[in-house]
N, C-alpha and C. Protein backbone atom coordinates (compact mmCIF):
# COMPACT_ATOMS: atom_id res chain seq x y z
N UNK A 1 -8.77 -23.59 24.58
CA UNK A 1 -9.07 -22.67 23.38
C UNK A 1 -10.55 -22.38 23.52
N UNK A 2 -10.92 -21.15 23.22
CA UNK A 2 -12.29 -20.78 23.25
C UNK A 2 -13.10 -21.56 22.15
N UNK A 3 -14.28 -21.93 22.44
CA UNK A 3 -15.14 -22.63 21.48
C UNK A 3 -15.47 -21.90 20.31
N UNK A 4 -15.40 -20.56 20.42
CA UNK A 4 -15.78 -19.76 19.20
C UNK A 4 -14.65 -19.67 18.18
N UNK A 5 -13.47 -20.02 18.62
CA UNK A 5 -12.29 -19.99 17.75
C UNK A 5 -11.97 -21.34 17.26
N UNK A 6 -11.84 -21.52 15.96
CA UNK A 6 -11.58 -22.89 15.50
C UNK A 6 -10.63 -22.71 14.24
N UNK A 7 -9.81 -23.70 14.03
CA UNK A 7 -8.89 -23.54 12.88
C UNK A 7 -9.35 -24.21 11.62
N UNK A 8 -9.25 -23.50 10.43
CA UNK A 8 -9.67 -24.11 9.19
C UNK A 8 -8.52 -23.94 8.29
N UNK A 9 -7.82 -25.05 7.93
CA UNK A 9 -6.70 -24.96 6.94
C UNK A 9 -5.63 -24.05 7.52
N UNK A 10 -5.33 -24.12 8.83
CA UNK A 10 -4.29 -23.35 9.38
C UNK A 10 -4.60 -21.90 9.71
N UNK A 11 -5.84 -21.50 9.34
CA UNK A 11 -6.17 -20.14 9.58
C UNK A 11 -7.10 -20.07 10.83
N UNK A 12 -7.02 -18.99 11.55
CA UNK A 12 -7.98 -18.79 12.71
C UNK A 12 -9.16 -18.05 12.22
N UNK A 13 -10.34 -18.64 12.36
CA UNK A 13 -11.63 -18.07 12.05
C UNK A 13 -12.29 -17.66 13.29
N UNK A 14 -12.84 -16.33 13.33
CA UNK A 14 -13.38 -15.91 14.51
C UNK A 14 -14.96 -15.64 14.37
N UNK A 15 -15.67 -16.30 15.07
CA UNK A 15 -17.12 -16.07 14.99
C UNK A 15 -17.45 -14.98 15.77
N UNK A 16 -17.81 -13.87 15.18
CA UNK A 16 -18.11 -12.57 15.97
C UNK A 16 -19.50 -12.49 16.54
N UNK A 17 -20.39 -13.41 16.04
CA UNK A 17 -21.71 -13.37 16.63
C UNK A 17 -22.01 -14.13 17.86
N UNK A 18 -21.01 -14.85 18.29
CA UNK A 18 -21.06 -15.69 19.47
C UNK A 18 -20.73 -14.87 20.64
N UNK A 19 -21.60 -14.86 21.72
CA UNK A 19 -21.35 -14.05 22.87
C UNK A 19 -20.12 -14.41 23.74
N UNK A 20 -19.69 -15.62 23.51
CA UNK A 20 -18.51 -15.99 24.28
C UNK A 20 -17.16 -15.78 23.59
N UNK A 21 -17.24 -15.11 22.43
CA UNK A 21 -16.06 -14.85 21.64
C UNK A 21 -15.33 -13.61 22.24
N UNK A 22 -14.01 -13.74 22.38
CA UNK A 22 -13.24 -12.66 23.00
C UNK A 22 -13.00 -11.49 21.95
N UNK A 23 -12.84 -11.88 20.83
CA UNK A 23 -12.50 -10.90 19.75
C UNK A 23 -13.73 -10.38 19.05
N UNK A 24 -13.93 -9.02 19.03
CA UNK A 24 -15.09 -8.39 18.55
C UNK A 24 -14.92 -7.53 17.31
N UNK A 25 -13.66 -7.37 16.88
CA UNK A 25 -13.36 -6.52 15.83
C UNK A 25 -12.93 -5.18 16.19
N UNK A 26 -12.91 -4.13 15.37
CA UNK A 26 -12.39 -2.88 15.73
C UNK A 26 -13.41 -2.17 16.75
N UNK A 27 -12.78 -1.25 17.59
CA UNK A 27 -13.60 -0.63 18.52
C UNK A 27 -14.36 0.47 17.88
N UNK A 28 -15.37 0.97 18.50
CA UNK A 28 -16.22 2.12 17.92
C UNK A 28 -15.33 3.30 17.71
N UNK A 29 -14.36 3.52 18.63
CA UNK A 29 -13.46 4.71 18.34
C UNK A 29 -12.69 4.52 17.11
N UNK A 30 -12.11 3.34 16.85
CA UNK A 30 -11.42 3.03 15.58
C UNK A 30 -12.33 3.26 14.34
N UNK A 31 -13.49 2.79 14.39
CA UNK A 31 -14.42 2.96 13.30
C UNK A 31 -14.76 4.49 13.08
N UNK A 32 -14.94 5.14 14.18
CA UNK A 32 -15.18 6.60 14.08
C UNK A 32 -14.01 7.42 13.46
N UNK A 33 -12.83 6.98 13.91
CA UNK A 33 -11.65 7.75 13.36
C UNK A 33 -11.49 7.41 11.87
N UNK A 34 -11.81 6.25 11.38
CA UNK A 34 -11.67 5.79 9.97
C UNK A 34 -12.71 6.56 9.15
N UNK A 35 -13.77 6.97 9.73
CA UNK A 35 -14.84 7.69 9.01
C UNK A 35 -15.35 6.71 7.86
N UNK A 36 -15.31 7.27 6.64
CA UNK A 36 -15.81 6.38 5.48
C UNK A 36 -14.67 5.52 4.95
N UNK A 37 -13.55 5.55 5.58
CA UNK A 37 -12.27 4.83 4.99
C UNK A 37 -12.17 3.50 5.40
N UNK A 38 -13.31 2.67 5.42
CA UNK A 38 -13.17 1.25 5.56
C UNK A 38 -14.39 0.56 4.95
N UNK A 39 -14.19 -0.71 4.71
CA UNK A 39 -15.23 -1.59 4.11
C UNK A 39 -15.39 -2.80 5.00
N UNK A 40 -16.55 -3.28 5.06
CA UNK A 40 -16.83 -4.53 5.82
C UNK A 40 -17.19 -5.59 4.81
N UNK A 41 -16.39 -6.62 4.92
CA UNK A 41 -16.55 -7.76 3.97
C UNK A 41 -16.96 -9.03 4.66
N UNK A 42 -17.01 -10.11 3.98
CA UNK A 42 -17.31 -11.41 4.56
C UNK A 42 -16.47 -12.43 4.00
N UNK A 43 -16.11 -13.41 4.78
CA UNK A 43 -15.16 -14.45 4.21
C UNK A 43 -15.96 -15.75 3.80
N UNK A 44 -17.30 -15.55 3.72
CA UNK A 44 -18.25 -16.62 3.39
C UNK A 44 -18.25 -17.79 4.38
N UNK A 45 -17.69 -17.52 5.62
CA UNK A 45 -17.62 -18.56 6.60
C UNK A 45 -18.30 -18.00 7.86
N UNK A 46 -18.97 -16.85 7.79
CA UNK A 46 -19.50 -16.27 8.95
C UNK A 46 -18.69 -15.29 9.64
N UNK A 47 -17.62 -14.90 9.05
CA UNK A 47 -16.72 -13.86 9.77
C UNK A 47 -16.71 -12.57 9.00
N UNK A 48 -16.86 -11.44 9.76
CA UNK A 48 -16.77 -10.15 9.10
C UNK A 48 -15.31 -9.79 8.99
N UNK A 49 -14.92 -9.22 7.86
CA UNK A 49 -13.58 -8.74 7.66
C UNK A 49 -13.62 -7.22 7.43
N UNK A 50 -12.86 -6.55 8.29
CA UNK A 50 -12.78 -5.12 8.16
C UNK A 50 -11.53 -4.79 7.34
N UNK A 51 -11.68 -3.89 6.29
CA UNK A 51 -10.65 -3.46 5.46
C UNK A 51 -10.45 -2.04 5.51
N UNK A 52 -9.42 -1.56 6.24
CA UNK A 52 -9.24 -0.14 6.52
C UNK A 52 -8.39 0.49 5.34
N UNK A 53 -8.84 1.70 4.87
CA UNK A 53 -8.02 2.29 3.92
C UNK A 53 -7.28 3.57 4.55
N UNK A 54 -6.16 3.17 5.06
CA UNK A 54 -5.41 4.09 5.88
C UNK A 54 -4.22 4.73 5.19
N UNK A 55 -3.78 4.35 4.08
CA UNK A 55 -2.72 4.93 3.34
C UNK A 55 -3.11 6.32 2.68
N UNK A 56 -2.20 7.22 2.56
CA UNK A 56 -2.56 8.44 1.88
C UNK A 56 -3.09 8.19 0.49
N UNK A 57 -2.47 7.24 -0.23
CA UNK A 57 -2.88 6.97 -1.64
C UNK A 57 -4.34 6.51 -1.65
N UNK A 58 -4.76 5.61 -0.75
CA UNK A 58 -6.14 5.09 -0.67
C UNK A 58 -7.15 6.32 -0.32
N UNK A 59 -6.75 7.13 0.67
CA UNK A 59 -7.59 8.23 0.97
C UNK A 59 -7.71 9.24 -0.04
N UNK A 60 -6.64 9.62 -0.66
CA UNK A 60 -6.62 10.60 -1.77
C UNK A 60 -7.54 10.14 -2.95
N UNK A 61 -7.46 8.90 -3.40
CA UNK A 61 -8.27 8.48 -4.55
C UNK A 61 -9.71 8.30 -4.05
N UNK A 62 -9.87 7.86 -2.76
CA UNK A 62 -11.15 7.65 -2.24
C UNK A 62 -11.95 8.96 -2.27
N UNK A 63 -11.28 10.08 -1.85
CA UNK A 63 -11.82 11.46 -1.89
C UNK A 63 -12.23 11.90 -3.29
N UNK A 64 -11.27 11.62 -4.19
CA UNK A 64 -11.58 11.95 -5.64
C UNK A 64 -12.67 11.29 -6.31
N UNK A 65 -12.76 9.96 -5.94
CA UNK A 65 -13.80 9.04 -6.45
C UNK A 65 -15.15 9.54 -5.90
N UNK A 66 -15.25 9.97 -4.67
CA UNK A 66 -16.53 10.33 -4.06
C UNK A 66 -17.06 11.62 -4.71
N UNK A 67 -16.25 12.51 -5.32
CA UNK A 67 -16.67 13.73 -5.95
C UNK A 67 -16.79 13.55 -7.42
N UNK A 68 -16.29 12.46 -8.03
CA UNK A 68 -16.25 12.24 -9.50
C UNK A 68 -17.57 11.67 -10.04
N UNK A 69 -17.74 11.94 -11.36
CA UNK A 69 -18.75 11.36 -12.06
C UNK A 69 -18.46 9.90 -12.52
N UNK A 70 -19.29 9.35 -13.32
CA UNK A 70 -19.08 7.90 -13.68
C UNK A 70 -17.92 7.81 -14.65
N UNK A 71 -17.78 8.62 -15.66
CA UNK A 71 -16.69 8.55 -16.59
C UNK A 71 -15.36 8.79 -15.96
N UNK A 72 -15.32 9.78 -15.02
CA UNK A 72 -13.99 10.14 -14.34
C UNK A 72 -13.62 9.04 -13.29
N UNK A 73 -14.63 8.35 -12.80
CA UNK A 73 -14.32 7.23 -11.85
C UNK A 73 -13.44 6.15 -12.47
N UNK A 74 -13.77 5.83 -13.78
CA UNK A 74 -13.02 4.75 -14.41
C UNK A 74 -11.54 5.22 -14.58
N UNK A 75 -11.37 6.52 -14.99
CA UNK A 75 -10.01 7.10 -15.08
C UNK A 75 -9.36 6.95 -13.73
N UNK A 76 -10.05 7.42 -12.63
CA UNK A 76 -9.38 7.43 -11.29
C UNK A 76 -8.99 5.99 -10.92
N UNK A 77 -9.87 5.03 -11.25
CA UNK A 77 -9.55 3.58 -10.87
C UNK A 77 -8.29 3.11 -11.58
N UNK A 78 -8.19 3.54 -12.93
CA UNK A 78 -6.95 3.20 -13.61
C UNK A 78 -5.62 3.76 -12.95
N UNK A 79 -5.82 5.04 -12.65
CA UNK A 79 -4.69 5.70 -11.91
C UNK A 79 -4.28 5.02 -10.68
N UNK A 80 -5.32 4.74 -9.79
CA UNK A 80 -5.07 4.13 -8.56
C UNK A 80 -4.44 2.85 -8.73
N UNK A 81 -4.92 1.98 -9.72
CA UNK A 81 -4.36 0.67 -9.93
C UNK A 81 -2.89 0.77 -10.34
N UNK A 82 -2.65 1.76 -11.23
CA UNK A 82 -1.20 1.93 -11.77
C UNK A 82 -0.31 2.30 -10.56
N UNK A 83 -0.68 3.18 -9.60
CA UNK A 83 0.09 3.59 -8.57
C UNK A 83 0.30 2.38 -7.53
N UNK A 84 -0.70 1.59 -7.38
CA UNK A 84 -0.60 0.36 -6.55
C UNK A 84 0.38 -0.65 -7.10
N UNK A 85 0.32 -0.73 -8.40
CA UNK A 85 1.27 -1.62 -9.08
C UNK A 85 2.68 -1.12 -8.95
N UNK A 86 2.91 0.19 -9.05
CA UNK A 86 4.14 0.82 -8.89
C UNK A 86 4.65 0.53 -7.51
N UNK A 87 3.78 0.72 -6.50
CA UNK A 87 4.18 0.42 -5.04
C UNK A 87 4.56 -0.95 -4.87
N UNK A 88 3.70 -1.93 -5.50
CA UNK A 88 3.94 -3.29 -5.40
C UNK A 88 5.35 -3.66 -5.94
N UNK A 89 5.72 -3.16 -7.03
CA UNK A 89 7.01 -3.48 -7.64
C UNK A 89 8.14 -2.82 -6.68
N UNK A 90 8.03 -1.68 -6.14
CA UNK A 90 8.87 -1.15 -5.12
C UNK A 90 9.08 -2.03 -4.01
N UNK A 91 7.93 -2.52 -3.43
CA UNK A 91 7.94 -3.34 -2.20
C UNK A 91 8.64 -4.75 -2.58
N UNK A 92 8.09 -5.41 -3.53
CA UNK A 92 8.65 -6.72 -3.99
C UNK A 92 9.99 -6.66 -4.37
N UNK A 93 10.70 -5.51 -4.85
CA UNK A 93 11.96 -5.40 -5.20
C UNK A 93 12.88 -5.39 -3.92
N UNK A 94 12.31 -5.35 -2.80
CA UNK A 94 13.08 -5.30 -1.51
C UNK A 94 13.74 -3.86 -1.21
N UNK A 95 13.03 -2.90 -1.83
CA UNK A 95 13.54 -1.55 -1.61
C UNK A 95 12.98 -0.82 -0.34
N UNK A 96 11.97 -1.47 0.24
CA UNK A 96 11.44 -1.02 1.49
C UNK A 96 12.43 -1.19 2.60
N UNK A 97 12.61 -0.14 3.42
CA UNK A 97 13.62 -0.27 4.53
C UNK A 97 12.98 -1.23 5.60
N UNK A 98 13.97 -1.88 6.18
CA UNK A 98 13.44 -2.85 7.33
C UNK A 98 13.89 -2.19 8.63
N UNK A 99 13.31 -2.67 9.71
CA UNK A 99 13.67 -2.23 11.05
C UNK A 99 14.25 -3.38 11.77
N UNK A 100 15.60 -3.61 11.55
CA UNK A 100 16.27 -4.71 12.21
C UNK A 100 16.48 -4.38 13.73
N UNK A 101 16.51 -5.43 14.54
CA UNK A 101 16.90 -5.28 15.89
C UNK A 101 18.39 -4.95 16.07
N UNK A 102 18.68 -4.25 17.06
CA UNK A 102 20.04 -3.91 17.35
C UNK A 102 20.62 -4.66 18.46
N UNK A 103 21.72 -5.35 18.26
CA UNK A 103 22.38 -6.02 19.30
C UNK A 103 23.47 -5.07 19.90
N UNK A 104 23.21 -4.62 21.14
CA UNK A 104 24.06 -3.68 21.77
C UNK A 104 25.41 -4.11 22.15
N UNK A 105 25.50 -5.50 22.16
CA UNK A 105 26.77 -6.03 22.54
C UNK A 105 27.75 -6.22 21.34
N UNK A 106 27.35 -5.79 20.13
CA UNK A 106 28.14 -5.84 18.95
C UNK A 106 28.53 -4.48 18.35
N UNK A 107 29.58 -4.47 17.62
CA UNK A 107 29.95 -3.23 16.96
C UNK A 107 29.08 -3.29 15.64
N UNK A 108 28.43 -2.12 15.41
CA UNK A 108 27.60 -2.05 14.13
C UNK A 108 28.54 -1.74 13.00
N UNK A 109 28.61 -2.56 12.00
CA UNK A 109 29.40 -2.38 10.80
C UNK A 109 28.65 -3.06 9.65
N UNK A 110 28.66 -2.46 8.46
CA UNK A 110 28.06 -3.04 7.32
C UNK A 110 28.98 -4.15 6.79
N UNK A 111 28.38 -5.23 6.38
CA UNK A 111 29.09 -6.45 6.02
C UNK A 111 29.05 -6.44 4.48
N UNK A 112 30.17 -6.19 3.78
CA UNK A 112 30.02 -6.14 2.25
C UNK A 112 29.84 -7.57 1.66
N UNK A 113 30.16 -8.56 2.42
CA UNK A 113 29.98 -9.94 1.96
C UNK A 113 28.44 -10.35 1.90
N UNK A 114 27.61 -9.62 2.50
CA UNK A 114 26.18 -9.87 2.37
C UNK A 114 25.53 -9.28 1.13
N UNK A 115 26.21 -8.61 0.34
CA UNK A 115 25.77 -8.00 -0.94
C UNK A 115 24.52 -7.08 -0.56
N UNK A 116 24.78 -6.20 0.34
CA UNK A 116 23.76 -5.26 0.77
C UNK A 116 23.35 -4.36 -0.39
N UNK A 117 22.09 -4.22 -0.71
CA UNK A 117 21.61 -3.45 -1.85
C UNK A 117 21.47 -4.15 -3.13
N UNK A 118 21.95 -5.39 -3.18
CA UNK A 118 21.75 -6.33 -4.41
C UNK A 118 20.49 -7.04 -4.33
N UNK A 119 19.96 -7.39 -5.43
CA UNK A 119 18.71 -8.23 -5.42
C UNK A 119 19.06 -9.63 -4.97
N UNK A 120 18.33 -10.18 -4.11
CA UNK A 120 18.66 -11.50 -3.53
C UNK A 120 18.01 -12.68 -4.22
N UNK A 121 17.16 -12.36 -5.32
CA UNK A 121 16.55 -13.39 -6.03
C UNK A 121 16.19 -12.94 -7.41
N UNK A 122 15.90 -13.76 -8.28
CA UNK A 122 15.46 -13.41 -9.66
C UNK A 122 14.07 -12.64 -9.53
N UNK A 123 13.31 -13.03 -8.62
CA UNK A 123 11.93 -12.29 -8.49
C UNK A 123 12.24 -10.83 -8.07
N UNK A 124 13.12 -10.59 -7.09
CA UNK A 124 13.53 -9.19 -6.72
C UNK A 124 14.10 -8.47 -7.87
N UNK A 125 14.93 -9.09 -8.63
CA UNK A 125 15.61 -8.53 -9.79
C UNK A 125 14.49 -8.05 -10.81
N UNK A 126 13.58 -8.92 -11.03
CA UNK A 126 12.49 -8.61 -12.01
C UNK A 126 11.70 -7.33 -11.55
N UNK A 127 11.41 -7.28 -10.26
CA UNK A 127 10.64 -6.18 -9.73
C UNK A 127 11.44 -5.02 -9.72
N UNK A 128 12.75 -5.06 -9.58
CA UNK A 128 13.66 -3.84 -9.54
C UNK A 128 13.64 -3.33 -10.95
N UNK A 129 13.68 -4.21 -12.01
CA UNK A 129 13.70 -3.76 -13.36
C UNK A 129 12.39 -3.03 -13.66
N UNK A 130 11.25 -3.55 -13.28
CA UNK A 130 10.00 -3.00 -13.52
C UNK A 130 9.94 -1.65 -12.85
N UNK A 131 10.40 -1.54 -11.58
CA UNK A 131 10.33 -0.32 -10.85
C UNK A 131 11.22 0.77 -11.55
N UNK A 132 12.42 0.35 -11.91
CA UNK A 132 13.33 1.30 -12.51
C UNK A 132 12.82 1.79 -13.86
N UNK A 133 12.21 0.89 -14.63
CA UNK A 133 11.63 1.31 -15.96
C UNK A 133 10.43 2.28 -15.81
N UNK A 134 9.67 2.06 -14.79
CA UNK A 134 8.53 2.92 -14.45
C UNK A 134 9.07 4.35 -13.98
N UNK A 135 10.07 4.26 -13.14
CA UNK A 135 10.76 5.48 -12.68
C UNK A 135 11.26 6.39 -13.82
N UNK A 136 11.87 5.61 -14.79
CA UNK A 136 12.47 6.37 -15.92
C UNK A 136 11.34 6.95 -16.82
N UNK A 137 10.21 6.17 -16.86
CA UNK A 137 9.08 6.55 -17.74
C UNK A 137 8.46 7.94 -17.18
N UNK A 138 8.38 8.05 -15.83
CA UNK A 138 7.73 9.23 -15.30
C UNK A 138 8.65 10.40 -15.03
N UNK A 139 9.98 10.05 -14.98
CA UNK A 139 10.92 11.18 -14.80
C UNK A 139 11.36 11.32 -13.44
N UNK A 140 12.43 12.06 -13.17
CA UNK A 140 13.10 12.17 -11.89
C UNK A 140 12.25 13.01 -10.92
N UNK A 141 11.76 14.17 -11.32
CA UNK A 141 11.12 15.02 -10.37
C UNK A 141 9.72 14.42 -9.96
N UNK A 142 8.99 13.88 -10.97
CA UNK A 142 7.76 13.18 -10.62
C UNK A 142 7.97 11.87 -9.81
N UNK A 143 9.14 11.22 -10.06
CA UNK A 143 9.47 10.03 -9.37
C UNK A 143 9.68 10.25 -7.92
N UNK A 144 10.30 11.38 -7.59
CA UNK A 144 10.51 11.64 -6.13
C UNK A 144 9.24 11.88 -5.48
N UNK A 145 8.32 12.59 -6.08
CA UNK A 145 7.00 12.80 -5.39
C UNK A 145 6.22 11.54 -5.34
N UNK A 146 6.16 10.79 -6.43
CA UNK A 146 5.35 9.55 -6.43
C UNK A 146 5.91 8.49 -5.39
N UNK A 147 7.29 8.43 -5.28
CA UNK A 147 7.86 7.59 -4.27
C UNK A 147 7.44 8.04 -2.88
N UNK A 148 7.58 9.40 -2.57
CA UNK A 148 7.20 9.78 -1.25
C UNK A 148 5.74 9.53 -0.95
N UNK A 149 4.86 9.79 -1.90
CA UNK A 149 3.44 9.62 -1.74
C UNK A 149 3.05 8.20 -1.64
N UNK A 150 3.38 7.35 -2.63
CA UNK A 150 2.91 5.99 -2.77
C UNK A 150 3.76 5.02 -1.94
N UNK A 151 5.05 5.12 -2.01
CA UNK A 151 5.90 4.11 -1.37
C UNK A 151 6.16 4.37 0.03
N UNK A 152 6.54 5.67 0.36
CA UNK A 152 6.82 5.97 1.79
C UNK A 152 5.61 6.46 2.48
N UNK A 153 4.47 6.56 1.89
CA UNK A 153 3.19 6.88 2.42
C UNK A 153 3.22 8.17 3.20
N UNK A 154 3.84 9.26 2.58
CA UNK A 154 3.76 10.54 3.12
C UNK A 154 2.44 11.18 2.69
N UNK A 155 1.95 11.98 3.60
CA UNK A 155 0.64 12.70 3.08
C UNK A 155 0.95 13.59 1.83
N UNK A 156 -0.04 13.76 1.07
CA UNK A 156 0.14 14.49 -0.27
C UNK A 156 0.71 15.86 -0.01
N UNK A 157 0.29 16.63 0.93
CA UNK A 157 0.77 18.02 1.09
C UNK A 157 2.24 17.91 1.50
N UNK A 158 2.76 16.96 2.21
CA UNK A 158 4.12 16.94 2.59
C UNK A 158 4.94 16.35 1.39
N UNK A 159 4.52 15.32 0.67
CA UNK A 159 5.20 14.85 -0.48
C UNK A 159 5.41 15.93 -1.56
N UNK A 160 4.46 16.77 -1.70
CA UNK A 160 4.47 17.77 -2.79
C UNK A 160 4.96 19.16 -2.27
N UNK A 161 5.51 19.09 -1.08
CA UNK A 161 5.90 20.43 -0.52
C UNK A 161 7.03 21.23 -1.39
N UNK A 162 7.90 20.47 -1.96
CA UNK A 162 9.02 21.03 -2.68
C UNK A 162 8.61 21.44 -4.15
N UNK A 163 7.53 20.89 -4.58
CA UNK A 163 7.19 21.04 -6.01
C UNK A 163 5.81 21.81 -6.09
N UNK A 164 5.65 22.76 -6.89
CA UNK A 164 4.46 23.55 -6.97
C UNK A 164 3.27 22.78 -7.43
N UNK A 165 3.33 22.02 -8.54
CA UNK A 165 2.21 21.36 -9.14
C UNK A 165 2.23 19.91 -8.79
N UNK A 166 2.51 19.49 -7.57
CA UNK A 166 2.70 18.08 -7.18
C UNK A 166 1.51 17.21 -7.38
N UNK A 167 0.31 17.62 -7.00
CA UNK A 167 -0.85 16.83 -7.24
C UNK A 167 -1.03 16.43 -8.64
N UNK A 168 -0.88 17.45 -9.56
CA UNK A 168 -1.07 17.24 -10.96
C UNK A 168 -0.06 16.28 -11.46
N UNK A 169 1.17 16.37 -10.85
CA UNK A 169 2.20 15.48 -11.32
C UNK A 169 1.97 14.11 -10.87
N UNK A 170 1.39 13.93 -9.72
CA UNK A 170 1.03 12.46 -9.30
C UNK A 170 0.02 11.86 -10.22
N UNK A 171 -1.02 12.70 -10.56
CA UNK A 171 -2.10 12.22 -11.46
C UNK A 171 -1.54 11.93 -12.87
N UNK A 172 -0.69 12.82 -13.33
CA UNK A 172 -0.14 12.68 -14.62
C UNK A 172 0.84 11.38 -14.69
N UNK A 173 1.56 11.13 -13.61
CA UNK A 173 2.41 9.95 -13.53
C UNK A 173 1.60 8.65 -13.50
N UNK A 174 0.42 8.73 -12.71
CA UNK A 174 -0.34 7.59 -12.62
C UNK A 174 -1.04 7.28 -13.99
N UNK A 175 -1.53 8.28 -14.71
CA UNK A 175 -2.09 8.10 -16.07
C UNK A 175 -1.03 7.54 -17.03
N UNK A 176 0.23 8.00 -16.96
CA UNK A 176 1.21 7.58 -17.92
C UNK A 176 1.62 6.24 -17.55
N UNK A 177 1.75 5.73 -16.32
CA UNK A 177 2.01 4.35 -15.88
C UNK A 177 0.79 3.41 -16.36
N UNK A 178 -0.45 3.86 -16.09
CA UNK A 178 -1.55 3.13 -16.57
C UNK A 178 -1.62 2.83 -17.99
N UNK A 179 -1.17 3.81 -18.80
CA UNK A 179 -1.10 3.64 -20.24
C UNK A 179 -0.06 2.64 -20.63
N UNK A 180 1.20 2.82 -20.03
CA UNK A 180 2.30 1.98 -20.25
C UNK A 180 2.05 0.49 -19.98
N UNK A 181 1.37 0.22 -18.84
CA UNK A 181 1.07 -1.04 -18.41
C UNK A 181 -0.12 -1.69 -18.95
N UNK A 182 -0.92 -0.94 -19.72
CA UNK A 182 -2.16 -1.36 -20.32
C UNK A 182 -3.28 -1.57 -19.30
N UNK A 183 -3.36 -0.76 -18.28
CA UNK A 183 -4.39 -0.86 -17.22
C UNK A 183 -5.64 -0.12 -17.80
N UNK A 184 -6.84 -0.77 -17.80
CA UNK A 184 -8.03 -0.10 -18.08
C UNK A 184 -8.30 -0.37 -19.55
């Protein structure tokens, strides 16, 4: 094992300042492609942590915040937090599709005894209830757009393709969810 890599509480800590370290972080090309869409943090143990803002939701609200004034920034932060909470409920509810491996030696058939589509724990059931209540709150049409944009991470222009006022609908939904959940 490289001397620059050491384990602390089961985690691998990388000392980026050591010349014998193999891992240097993101390449200059990756940083250039990210533009202003990343932050450099510190884990207080000498390691730099790069946090990339790659989702359409993060980029959209990042652009809005860069153009906004102080008062509007607070409103945008509330909206962003509400949409991230919405996405978290969707993800924790087990509604995100998985990419299972395919065994080519078997016949592919759905097994009804596995309760496919049912919540597998009380935690998943809770998150499904929260997701469904939020979806009812914002309505069907806005729910489709918010799901495409926040959960499935479609770009804004693609998610709003079928609806004329899609961007305003996402912001309206975010504000309504933030008010309902007491964010801000």
